[in-house]
C-alpha atoms as a PDB file:
ATOM      1  CA  GLN A   1      28.244  47.674 -33.978  1.00  0.00           C
ATOM      2  CA  VAL A   2      27.681  47.848 -30.415  1.00  0.00           C
ATOM      3  CA  GLN A   3      27.371  44.725 -28.331  1.00  0.00           C
ATOM      4  CA  LEU A   4      25.707  44.490 -25.090  1.00  0.00           C
ATOM      5  CA  VAL A   5      26.392  42.254 -22.017  1.00  0.00           C
ATOM      6  CA  GLU A   6      24.336  42.236 -18.929  1.00  0.00           C
ATOM      7  CA  SER A   7      25.389  41.254 -15.463  1.00  0.00           C
ATOM      8  CA  GLY A   8      24.102  41.602 -11.925  1.00  0.00           C
ATOM      9  CA  GLY A   9      21.219  39.078 -11.898  1.00  0.00           C
ATOM     10  CA  GLY A  10      20.586  36.700  -9.224  1.00  0.00           C
ATOM     11  CA  LEU A  11      18.195  35.194  -6.480  1.00  0.00           C
ATOM     12  CA  VAL A  12      16.790  37.504  -3.873  1.00  0.00           C
ATOM     13  CA  GLN A  13      14.000  37.731  -1.419  1.00  0.00           C
ATOM     14  CA  ALA A  14      10.919  40.064  -1.711  1.00  0.00           C
ATOM     15  CA  GLY A  15      11.783  43.439  -0.680  1.00  0.00           C
ATOM     16  CA  ASP A  16      15.453  43.169  -1.463  1.00  0.00           C
ATOM     17  CA  SER A  17      17.373  45.287  -3.773  1.00  0.00           C
ATOM     18  CA  LEU A  18      19.404  44.453  -6.834  1.00  0.00           C
ATOM     19  CA  SER A  19      21.446  46.338  -9.367  1.00  0.00           C
ATOM     20  CA  LEU A  20      21.815  45.233 -13.051  1.00  0.00           C
ATOM     21  CA  SER A  21      24.624  46.585 -15.342  1.00  0.00           C
ATOM     22  CA  CYS A  22      24.917  46.576 -19.062  1.00  0.00           C
ATOM     23  CA  ALA A  23      28.228  46.936 -20.676  1.00  0.00           C
ATOM     24  CA  ALA A  24      28.530  48.149 -24.151  1.00  0.00           C
ATOM     25  CA  SER A  25      31.383  47.793 -26.601  1.00  0.00           C
ATOM     26  CA  GLY A  26      31.997  50.013 -29.494  1.00  0.00           C
ATOM     27  CA  ARG A  27      32.567  53.716 -29.929  1.00  0.00           C
ATOM     28  CA  THR A  28      29.004  54.756 -30.763  1.00  0.00           C
ATOM     29  CA  PHE A  29      27.368  53.913 -27.437  1.00  0.00           C
ATOM     30  CA  ALA A  30      26.483  57.559 -26.812  1.00  0.00           C
ATOM     31  CA  VAL A  31      24.087  57.697 -29.800  1.00  0.00           C
ATOM     32  CA  TYR A  32      21.862  55.008 -28.603  1.00  0.00           C
ATOM     33  CA  CYS A  33      18.827  55.250 -26.507  1.00  0.00           C
ATOM     34  CA  MET A  34      19.147  52.363 -23.974  1.00  0.00           C
ATOM     35  CA  GLY A  35      16.315  50.355 -22.506  1.00  0.00           C
ATOM     36  CA  TRP A  36      15.869  47.475 -20.072  1.00  0.00           C
ATOM     37  CA  PHE A  37      13.206  44.916 -20.957  1.00  0.00           C
ATOM     38  CA  ARG A  38      12.134  41.759 -19.222  1.00  0.00           C
ATOM     39  CA  GLN A  39      10.555  38.544 -20.059  1.00  0.00           C
ATOM     40  CA  ALA A  40       9.028  36.016 -17.756  1.00  0.00           C
ATOM     41  CA  PRO A  41       8.172  32.396 -18.838  1.00  0.00           C
ATOM     42  CA  GLY A  42       5.159  32.340 -21.095  1.00  0.00           C
ATOM     43  CA  ARG A  43       4.910  35.996 -21.253  1.00  0.00           C
ATOM     44  CA  GLU A  44       5.814  38.594 -23.935  1.00  0.00           C
ATOM     45  CA  ARG A  45       8.970  40.721 -23.533  1.00  0.00           C
ATOM     46  CA  GLU A  46       7.970  44.013 -21.859  1.00  0.00           C
ATOM     47  CA  PHE A  47       9.476  47.430 -21.363  1.00  0.00           C
ATOM     48  CA  VAL A  48      10.974  48.158 -17.963  1.00  0.00           C
ATOM     49  CA  ALA A  49      12.741  51.440 -18.229  1.00  0.00           C
ATOM     50  CA  GLY A  50      14.602  53.557 -20.897  1.00  0.00           C
ATOM     51  CA  ILE A  51      17.024  56.510 -20.965  1.00  0.00           C
ATOM     52  CA  SER A  52      17.508  58.605 -24.078  1.00  0.00           C
ATOM     53  CA  ARG A  53      20.770  60.062 -25.315  1.00  0.00           C
ATOM     54  CA  ALA A  54      20.021  63.189 -23.322  1.00  0.00           C
ATOM     55  CA  SER A  55      19.067  61.103 -20.411  1.00  0.00           C
ATOM     56  CA  THR A  56      15.354  61.491 -20.557  1.00  0.00           C
ATOM     57  CA  THR A  57      13.974  58.578 -18.676  1.00  0.00           C
ATOM     58  CA  GLU A  58      10.771  56.433 -19.024  1.00  0.00           C
ATOM     59  CA  TYR A  59       9.341  53.690 -16.789  1.00  0.00           C
ATOM     60  CA  ALA A  60       6.795  51.156 -16.894  1.00  0.00           C
ATOM     61  CA  ASP A  61       4.057  51.734 -14.542  1.00  0.00           C
ATOM     62  CA  SER A  62       4.822  48.671 -12.620  1.00  0.00           C
ATOM     63  CA  VAL A  63       8.187  49.677 -11.606  1.00  0.00           C
ATOM     64  CA  LYS A  64       7.894  53.479 -11.090  1.00  0.00           C
ATOM     65  CA  GLY A  65       9.193  54.500  -7.775  1.00  0.00           C
ATOM     66  CA  ARG A  66      11.017  51.275  -7.265  1.00  0.00           C
ATOM     67  CA  PHE A  67      13.570  51.117 -10.371  1.00  0.00           C
ATOM     68  CA  THR A  68      16.059  53.747 -11.427  1.00  0.00           C
ATOM     69  CA  ILE A  69      17.905  53.591 -14.762  1.00  0.00           C
ATOM     70  CA  SER A  70      21.020  55.525 -15.450  1.00  0.00           C
ATOM     71  CA  ARG A  71      23.820  55.714 -17.969  1.00  0.00           C
ATOM     72  CA  ASP A  72      27.453  56.598 -17.942  1.00  0.00           C
ATOM     73  CA  ASN A  73      28.619  57.316 -21.551  1.00  0.00           C
ATOM     74  CA  ALA A  74      32.259  57.591 -20.423  1.00  0.00           C
ATOM     75  CA  LYS A  75      32.215  54.031 -19.311  1.00  0.00           C
ATOM     76  CA  ASN A  76      29.749  52.769 -21.908  1.00  0.00           C
ATOM     77  CA  MET A  77      27.595  51.553 -19.161  1.00  0.00           C
ATOM     78  CA  VAL A  78      23.786  51.344 -18.283  1.00  0.00           C
ATOM     79  CA  TYR A  79      22.422  50.673 -14.974  1.00  0.00           C
ATOM     80  CA  LEU A  80      19.110  49.421 -13.518  1.00  0.00           C
ATOM     81  CA  GLN A  81      18.815  49.893  -9.749  1.00  0.00           C
ATOM     82  CA  MET A  82      15.944  47.947  -8.276  1.00  0.00           C
ATOM     83  CA  ILE A  83      14.576  48.338  -4.942  1.00  0.00           C
ATOM     84  CA  GLY A  84      11.548  46.663  -3.213  1.00  0.00           C
ATOM     85  CA  LEU A  85      11.656  43.771  -5.472  1.00  0.00           C
ATOM     86  CA  LYS A  86       8.500  41.610  -5.772  1.00  0.00           C
ATOM     87  CA  PRO A  87       8.008  38.000  -6.971  1.00  0.00           C
ATOM     88  CA  GLU A  88       6.275  39.384 -10.081  1.00  0.00           C
ATOM     89  CA  ASP A  89       9.650  41.117 -11.067  1.00  0.00           C
ATOM     90  CA  THR A  90      11.006  37.673 -11.601  1.00  0.00           C
ATOM     91  CA  ALA A  91      12.117  37.386 -15.302  1.00  0.00           C
ATOM     92  CA  VAL A  92      15.019  37.515 -17.591  1.00  0.00           C
ATOM     93  CA  TYR A  93      16.280  40.988 -17.937  1.00  0.00           C
ATOM     94  CA  TYR A  94      17.609  42.306 -21.214  1.00  0.00           C
ATOM     95  CA  CYS A  95      19.508  45.455 -22.155  1.00  0.00           C
ATOM     96  CA  ALA A  96      18.813  46.895 -25.587  1.00  0.00           C
ATOM     97  CA  GLY A  97      19.863  49.889 -27.710  1.00  0.00           C
ATOM     98  CA  ASP A  98      17.644  52.077 -30.103  1.00  0.00           C
ATOM     99  CA  PRO A  99      19.947  54.319 -32.232  1.00  0.00           C
ATOM    100  CA  GLN A 100      18.587  57.958 -31.698  1.00  0.00           C
ATOM    101  CA  ALA A 101      19.364  60.856 -33.996  1.00  0.00           C
ATOM    102  CA  TYR A 102      20.891  63.897 -32.151  1.00  0.00           C
ATOM    103  CA  SER A 103      17.737  65.989 -33.117  1.00  0.00           C
ATOM    104  CA  GLU A 104      15.634  63.413 -31.105  1.00  0.00           C
ATOM    105  CA  ARG A 105      17.919  63.026 -28.143  1.00  0.00           C
ATOM    106  CA  ASP A 106      15.293  64.355 -25.613  1.00  0.00           C
ATOM    107  CA  ARG A 107      12.566  62.083 -27.070  1.00  0.00           C
ATOM    108  CA  PRO A 108      11.410  59.628 -24.265  1.00  0.00           C
ATOM    109  CA  PRO A 109      12.499  56.185 -24.802  1.00  0.00           C
ATOM    110  CA  ARG A 110      10.174  53.898 -27.021  1.00  0.00           C
ATOM    111  CA  LYS A 111       8.492  51.035 -25.270  1.00  0.00           C
ATOM    112  CA  GLU A 112       8.178  48.661 -28.184  1.00  0.00           C
ATOM    113  CA  PRO A 113      10.922  45.915 -28.423  1.00  0.00           C
ATOM    114  CA  SER A 114      10.815  46.092 -32.115  1.00  0.00           C
ATOM    115  CA  ALA A 115      12.277  49.585 -32.011  1.00  0.00           C
ATOM    116  CA  TYR A 116      15.503  48.383 -30.443  1.00  0.00           C
ATOM    117  CA  ASP A 117      18.216  47.125 -32.855  1.00  0.00           C
ATOM    118  CA  ILE A 118      20.761  45.557 -30.521  1.00  0.00           C
ATOM    119  CA  TRP A 119      20.068  43.208 -27.475  1.00  0.00           C
ATOM    120  CA  GLY A 120      22.187  41.650 -24.908  1.00  0.00           C
ATOM    121  CA  GLN A 121      21.916  38.139 -23.984  1.00  0.00           C
ATOM    122  CA  GLY A 122      19.968  38.663 -20.710  1.00  0.00           C
ATOM    123  CA  THR A 123      20.383  38.098 -16.987  1.00  0.00           C
ATOM    124  CA  GLN A 124      18.036  36.220 -14.769  1.00  0.00           C
ATOM    125  CA  VAL A 125      16.469  37.869 -11.732  1.00  0.00           C
ATOM    126  CA  THR A 126      14.455  35.670  -9.329  1.00  0.00           C
ATOM    127  CA  VAL A 127      12.588  37.114  -6.467  1.00  0.00           C
ATOM    128  CA  SER A 128      11.232  34.661  -3.993  1.00  0.00           C
ATOM    129  CA  SER A 129       8.350  35.395  -1.714  1.00  0.00           C
END
C-alpha cells in the first residue's frame, strides 16, 4: 500500500509562487495516476490537477496556466508548482492516488475524489490579498 505525505504549504501573498511536493512510499507508486485536490472551509473537495501513469495531465479551469503538475517515478514524487497565486487558492491541498491499469496509462486523470484510493494528510496553503 502506498502512503502519501505532502509538504511545501505556507502563507504567501497574492501573486507569489509556491511549490508543493508529495512523497510516496511503496514500490507500486508508478502504477498510480496522481492528483492534487484542495478543500477550502465550508466547501467540497475539488480537483486541481492530475497526471496519469504516462504523464498525461489535466487541470481545473481555475488553475490552467498558473499551476503545473509533474511526477518523478524514480524518486516517488509528485509536484505542484503554483504561480500567480490568488486569495481564492487558499485551501488545504491533498495529494491522492488512483490505481491505473497499464492499458489506461494515457487516460486523462479523473476529477472525482471518489476515484482516488489513497490520500495524504494535506498541507495548508494560505494566500493573503
